[in-house]
PDB file of N, CA and C in Angstrom:
ATOM      1  N   MET A   1       3.071   4.491 -24.532  1.00  0.00           N
ATOM      2  CA  MET A   1       3.210   3.762 -23.745  1.00  0.00           C
ATOM      3  C   MET A   1       3.013   3.977 -22.327  1.00  0.00           C
ATOM      4  N   LYS A   2       2.545   3.978 -21.855  1.00  0.00           N
ATOM      5  CA  LYS A   2       2.876   4.430 -20.425  1.00  0.00           C
ATOM      6  C   LYS A   2       3.639   3.607 -19.570  1.00  0.00           C
ATOM      7  N   THR A   3       4.466   3.876 -18.721  1.00  0.00           N
ATOM      8  CA  THR A   3       5.106   2.798 -18.079  1.00  0.00           C
ATOM      9  C   THR A   3       4.722   2.211 -16.347  1.00  0.00           C
ATOM     10  N   VAL A   4       3.584   3.598 -16.174  1.00  0.00           N
ATOM     11  CA  VAL A   4       2.821   2.407 -15.168  1.00  0.00           C
ATOM     12  C   VAL A   4       1.409   2.568 -14.983  1.00  0.00           C
ATOM     13  N   VAL A   5       0.935   1.588 -15.471  1.00  0.00           N
ATOM     14  CA  VAL A   5      -0.640   0.906 -15.171  1.00  0.00           C
ATOM     15  C   VAL A   5      -0.757   0.517 -14.008  1.00  0.00           C
ATOM     16  N   SER A   6      -1.869   1.335 -13.033  1.00  0.00           N
ATOM     17  CA  SER A   6      -2.885   1.684 -12.091  1.00  0.00           C
ATOM     18  C   SER A   6      -3.378  -0.048 -11.576  1.00  0.00           C
ATOM     19  N   ILE A   7      -3.201  -0.237 -10.576  1.00  0.00           N
ATOM     20  CA  ILE A   7      -3.713  -1.541  -9.963  1.00  0.00           C
ATOM     21  C   ILE A   7      -5.414  -1.526 -10.535  1.00  0.00           C
ATOM     22  N   GLU A   8      -5.798  -0.417 -10.211  1.00  0.00           N
ATOM     23  CA  GLU A   8      -7.241  -0.558 -11.239  1.00  0.00           C
ATOM     24  C   GLU A   8      -7.519  -0.342 -12.632  1.00  0.00           C
ATOM     25  N   GLU A   9      -6.641  -0.435 -12.792  1.00  0.00           N
ATOM     26  CA  GLU A   9      -6.179  -0.133 -15.138  1.00  0.00           C
ATOM     27  C   GLU A   9      -6.106  -2.082 -15.238  1.00  0.00           C
ATOM     28  N   TRP A  10      -5.612  -2.381 -14.294  1.00  0.00           N
ATOM     29  CA  TRP A  10      -4.866  -4.174 -14.530  1.00  0.00           C
ATOM     30  C   TRP A  10      -6.427  -4.458 -13.608  1.00  0.00           C
ATOM     31  N   LYS A  11      -6.832  -4.400 -12.437  1.00  0.00           N
ATOM     32  CA  LYS A  11      -8.445  -5.070 -12.767  1.00  0.00           C
ATOM     33  C   LYS A  11      -9.311  -5.313 -13.655  1.00  0.00           C
ATOM     34  N   LYS A  12      -9.517  -3.831 -14.105  1.00  0.00           N
ATOM     35  CA  LYS A  12     -10.142  -3.496 -15.408  1.00  0.00           C
ATOM     36  C   LYS A  12     -10.124  -4.472 -16.251  1.00  0.00           C
ATOM     37  N   ARG A  13      -9.059  -4.705 -16.445  1.00  0.00           N
ATOM     38  CA  ARG A  13      -8.357  -5.717 -18.082  1.00  0.00           C
ATOM     39  C   ARG A  13      -8.788  -6.716 -17.370  1.00  0.00           C
ATOM     40  N   PHE A  14      -8.732  -7.480 -16.739  1.00  0.00           N
ATOM     41  CA  PHE A  14      -8.972  -8.725 -16.336  1.00  0.00           C
ATOM     42  C   PHE A  14      -9.566  -9.187 -16.437  1.00  0.00           C
ATOM     43  N   GLN A  15     -11.263  -7.854 -15.509  1.00  0.00           N
ATOM     44  CA  GLN A  15     -12.674  -7.844 -15.856  1.00  0.00           C
ATOM     45  C   GLN A  15     -12.442  -8.406 -17.189  1.00  0.00           C
ATOM     46  N   ALA A  16     -12.062  -7.559 -18.701  1.00  0.00           N
ATOM     47  CA  ALA A  16     -12.719  -7.250 -19.474  1.00  0.00           C
ATOM     48  C   ALA A  16     -12.356  -8.386 -21.045  1.00  0.00           C
ATOM     49  N   VAL A  17     -11.488  -9.197 -19.696  1.00  0.00           N
ATOM     50  CA  VAL A  17     -11.336 -10.859 -20.587  1.00  0.00           C
ATOM     51  C   VAL A  17     -12.676 -11.922 -19.835  1.00  0.00           C
ATOM     52  N   GLY A  18     -13.089 -11.271 -18.925  1.00  0.00           N
ATOM     53  CA  GLY A  18     -14.054 -12.144 -17.967  1.00  0.00           C
ATOM     54  C   GLY A  18     -13.376 -13.016 -17.090  1.00  0.00           C
ATOM     55  N   LEU A  19     -12.337 -12.275 -16.208  1.00  0.00           N
ATOM     56  CA  LEU A  19     -12.002 -12.782 -15.434  1.00  0.00           C
ATOM     57  C   LEU A  19     -12.754 -11.990 -13.723  1.00  0.00           C
ATOM     58  N   ASP A  20     -13.540 -12.847 -12.873  1.00  0.00           N
ATOM     59  CA  ASP A  20     -14.348 -12.003 -11.593  1.00  0.00           C
ATOM     60  C   ASP A  20     -13.154 -12.593 -10.612  1.00  0.00           C
ATOM     61  N   GLU A  21     -13.642 -11.670  -8.615  1.00  0.00           N
ATOM     62  CA  GLU A  21     -12.729 -11.563  -8.239  1.00  0.00           C
ATOM     63  C   GLU A  21     -11.642 -13.438  -8.189  1.00  0.00           C
ATOM     64  N   GLU A  22     -12.986 -13.815  -7.953  1.00  0.00           N
ATOM     65  CA  GLU A  22     -12.500 -14.973  -7.443  1.00  0.00           C
ATOM     66  C   GLU A  22     -11.205 -15.400  -8.063  1.00  0.00           C
ATOM     67  N   ALA A  23     -11.361 -15.344  -9.608  1.00  0.00           N
ATOM     68  CA  ALA A  23      -9.882 -15.634 -10.711  1.00  0.00           C
ATOM     69  C   ALA A  23      -8.975 -15.133 -10.670  1.00  0.00           C
ATOM     70  N   MET A  24      -8.904 -13.604  -9.583  1.00  0.00           N
ATOM     71  CA  MET A  24      -8.080 -12.096  -9.790  1.00  0.00           C
ATOM     72  C   MET A  24      -7.165 -13.145  -8.894  1.00  0.00           C
ATOM     73  N   GLN A  25      -7.924 -13.764  -7.698  1.00  0.00           N
ATOM     74  CA  GLN A  25      -7.256 -13.875  -6.806  1.00  0.00           C
ATOM     75  C   GLN A  25      -6.271 -14.772  -6.286  1.00  0.00           C
ATOM     76  N   LYS A  26      -7.000 -15.895  -8.108  1.00  0.00           N
ATOM     77  CA  LYS A  26      -6.028 -17.451  -8.169  1.00  0.00           C
ATOM     78  C   LYS A  26      -5.167 -17.053  -8.706  1.00  0.00           C
ATOM     79  N   TRP A  27      -5.006 -15.754 -10.170  1.00  0.00           N
ATOM     80  CA  TRP A  27      -4.521 -15.372 -10.319  1.00  0.00           C
ATOM     81  C   TRP A  27      -2.751 -14.342  -9.571  1.00  0.00           C
ATOM     82  N   HIS A  28      -3.206 -13.845  -8.587  1.00  0.00           N
ATOM     83  CA  HIS A  28      -2.664 -13.312  -7.723  1.00  0.00           C
ATOM     84  C   HIS A  28      -1.447 -14.366  -7.175  1.00  0.00           C
ATOM     85  N   ARG A  29      -2.725 -15.659  -6.038  1.00  0.00           N
ATOM     86  CA  ARG A  29      -1.416 -16.741  -5.097  1.00  0.00           C
ATOM     87  C   ARG A  29      -1.130 -17.663  -5.947  1.00  0.00           C
ATOM     88  N   LEU A  30      -1.495 -17.705  -7.508  1.00  0.00           N
ATOM     89  CA  LEU A  30      -0.274 -18.886  -8.338  1.00  0.00           C
ATOM     90  C   LEU A  30       0.479 -17.856  -8.666  1.00  0.00           C
ATOM     91  N   PHE A  31       1.398 -16.594  -8.586  1.00  0.00           N
ATOM     92  CA  PHE A  31       1.813 -16.179  -9.146  1.00  0.00           C
ATOM     93  C   PHE A  31       2.804 -15.691  -8.080  1.00  0.00           C
ATOM     94  N   GLU A  32       2.183 -15.940  -7.011  1.00  0.00           N
ATOM     95  CA  GLU A  32       3.461 -15.699  -5.915  1.00  0.00           C
ATOM     96  C   GLU A  32       3.700 -17.182  -5.196  1.00  0.00           C
ATOM     97  N   GLU A  33       3.267 -17.557  -5.401  1.00  0.00           N
ATOM     98  CA  GLU A  33       4.191 -19.216  -5.453  1.00  0.00           C
ATOM     99  C   GLU A  33       5.139 -19.007  -6.109  1.00  0.00           C
ATOM    100  N   GLU A  34       4.653 -19.094  -7.512  1.00  0.00           N
ATOM    101  CA  GLU A  34       5.807 -19.234  -8.643  1.00  0.00           C
ATOM    102  C   GLU A  34       6.519 -18.721  -8.476  1.00  0.00           C
ATOM    103  N   ASN A  35       6.958 -17.821  -8.481  1.00  0.00           N
ATOM    104  CA  ASN A  35       7.356 -16.003  -8.175  1.00  0.00           C
ATOM    105  C   ASN A  35       7.922 -15.172  -7.733  1.00  0.00           C
ATOM    106  N   PRO A  36       7.792 -15.515  -6.020  1.00  0.00           N
ATOM    107  CA  PRO A  36       7.448 -14.042  -5.187  1.00  0.00           C
ATOM    108  C   PRO A  36       8.019 -13.082  -5.233  1.00  0.00           C
ATOM    109  N   SER A  37       9.708 -13.199  -5.758  1.00  0.00           N
ATOM    110  CA  SER A  37      10.189 -11.350  -5.869  1.00  0.00           C
ATOM    111  C   SER A  37       9.161 -10.754  -8.017  1.00  0.00           C
ATOM    112  N   GLY A  38       9.092 -11.658  -8.436  1.00  0.00           N
ATOM    113  CA  GLY A  38       8.643 -11.644  -9.447  1.00  0.00           C
ATOM    114  C   GLY A  38       7.187 -10.584  -9.248  1.00  0.00           C
ATOM    115  N   HIS A  39       6.541 -11.322  -8.803  1.00  0.00           N
ATOM    116  CA  HIS A  39       4.435 -10.345  -7.987  1.00  0.00           C
ATOM    117  C   HIS A  39       5.216  -9.853  -7.602  1.00  0.00           C
ATOM    118  N   GLN A  40       6.179  -9.400  -6.787  1.00  0.00           N
ATOM    119  CA  GLN A  40       6.653  -7.885  -5.869  1.00  0.00           C
ATOM    120  C   GLN A  40       6.926  -7.493  -6.395  1.00  0.00           C
ATOM    121  N   SER A  41       7.901  -6.808  -8.117  1.00  0.00           N
ATOM    122  CA  SER A  41       8.676  -6.304  -8.423  1.00  0.00           C
ATOM    123  C   SER A  41       6.905  -5.806  -9.531  1.00  0.00           C
ATOM    124  N   PHE A  42       5.977  -7.329  -9.670  1.00  0.00           N
ATOM    125  CA  PHE A  42       4.897  -6.236 -10.081  1.00  0.00           C
ATOM    126  C   PHE A  42       4.217  -5.711  -9.519  1.00  0.00           C
ATOM    127  N   LEU A  43       3.422  -5.994  -9.202  1.00  0.00           N
ATOM    128  CA  LEU A  43       3.043  -5.441  -7.949  1.00  0.00           C
ATOM    129  C   LEU A  43       3.956  -3.865  -7.518  1.00  0.00           C
ATOM    130  N   GLU A  44       5.314  -3.800  -7.327  1.00  0.00           N
ATOM    131  CA  GLU A  44       5.436  -2.128  -7.797  1.00  0.00           C
ATOM    132  C   GLU A  44       5.633  -2.052  -8.195  1.00  0.00           C
ATOM    133  N   TRP A  45       5.924  -1.844  -9.762  1.00  0.00           N
ATOM    134  CA  TRP A  45       5.462  -1.146 -11.019  1.00  0.00           C
ATOM    135  C   TRP A  45       4.466  -0.932 -10.890  1.00  0.00           C
ATOM    136  N   LEU A  46       3.326  -1.549 -10.793  1.00  0.00           N
ATOM    137  CA  LEU A  46       1.872  -0.738 -10.835  1.00  0.00           C
ATOM    138  C   LEU A  46       0.991  -0.092  -9.709  1.00  0.00           C
ATOM    139  N   GLY A  47       2.052   0.240  -8.512  1.00  0.00           N
ATOM    140  CA  GLY A  47       2.808   1.949  -7.795  1.00  0.00           C
ATOM    141  C   GLY A  47       1.289   1.585  -6.750  1.00  0.00           C
ATOM    142  N   ALA A  48       2.072   0.067  -5.926  1.00  0.00           N
ATOM    143  CA  ALA A  48       1.417  -0.597  -5.257  1.00  0.00           C
ATOM    144  C   ALA A  48       2.202  -0.701  -3.955  1.00  0.00           C
ATOM    145  N   SER A  49       1.483   0.868  -2.614  1.00  0.00           N
ATOM    146  CA  SER A  49       1.704   1.071  -1.287  1.00  0.00           C
ATOM    147  C   SER A  49       2.412  -0.533  -1.182  1.00  0.00           C
ATOM    148  N   PRO A  50       3.804   0.160  -0.167  1.00  0.00           N
ATOM    149  CA  PRO A  50       4.947  -1.315   1.367  1.00  0.00           C
ATOM    150  C   PRO A  50       3.322  -1.980   1.351  1.00  0.00           C
ATOM    151  N   GLU A  51       2.411  -1.075   1.951  1.00  0.00           N
ATOM    152  CA  GLU A  51       1.725  -1.258   2.910  1.00  0.00           C
ATOM    153  C   GLU A  51       0.185  -1.980   2.005  1.00  0.00           C
ATOM    154  N   GLU A  52      -0.256  -1.874   0.680  1.00  0.00           N
ATOM    155  CA  GLU A  52      -0.824  -2.432   0.261  1.00  0.00           C
ATOM    156  C   GLU A  52      -0.135  -4.071  -0.674  1.00  0.00           C
ATOM    157  N   ILE A  53       1.246  -3.749  -1.396  1.00  0.00           N
ATOM    158  CA  ILE A  53       1.731  -4.846  -1.237  1.00  0.00           C
ATOM    159  C   ILE A  53       1.607  -5.705   0.072  1.00  0.00           C
ATOM    160  N   ALA A  54       1.789  -5.902   1.118  1.00  0.00           N
ATOM    161  CA  ALA A  54       1.707  -6.169   2.121  1.00  0.00           C
ATOM    162  C   ALA A  54       0.427  -7.014   2.098  1.00  0.00           C
ATOM    163  N   VAL A  55      -0.266  -6.443   1.899  1.00  0.00           N
ATOM    164  CA  VAL A  55      -1.668  -7.318   1.950  1.00  0.00           C
ATOM    165  C   VAL A  55      -1.928  -8.177   0.824  1.00  0.00           C
ATOM    166  N   ILE A  56      -1.966  -7.478  -0.171  1.00  0.00           N
ATOM    167  CA  ILE A  56      -1.478  -9.399  -1.310  1.00  0.00           C
ATOM    168  C   ILE A  56      -0.652  -9.766  -1.388  1.00  0.00           C
ATOM    169  N   ARG A  57      -0.288  -9.511  -1.365  1.00  0.00           N
ATOM    170  CA  ARG A  57       0.812 -10.776  -1.155  1.00  0.00           C
ATOM    171  C   ARG A  57       0.941 -12.236   0.178  1.00  0.00           C
ATOM    172  N   ARG A  58      -0.388 -12.053   1.666  1.00  0.00           N
ATOM    173  CA  ARG A  58      -0.782 -12.230   1.988  1.00  0.00           C
ATOM    174  C   ARG A  58      -1.664 -13.037   1.960  1.00  0.00           C
ATOM    175  N   MET A  59      -2.517 -12.815   1.026  1.00  0.00           N
ATOM    176  CA  MET A  59      -3.438 -13.359   1.028  1.00  0.00           C
ATOM    177  C   MET A  59      -3.163 -14.450   0.392  1.00  0.00           C
TER     178      MET A  59
END
């Protein structure tokens, strides 16, 4: 098993189970609201740059 999954791979998995862009945004907002430090760690695990993380977390 890979230790890192790219953001694009993760998005493809979301799409494969039927999530559209709006649902993915909702998922991120919920994650950020309920567990901001976990969201930060998850985005780092996905290999997002600090700049990408800042943008995603502001959404």
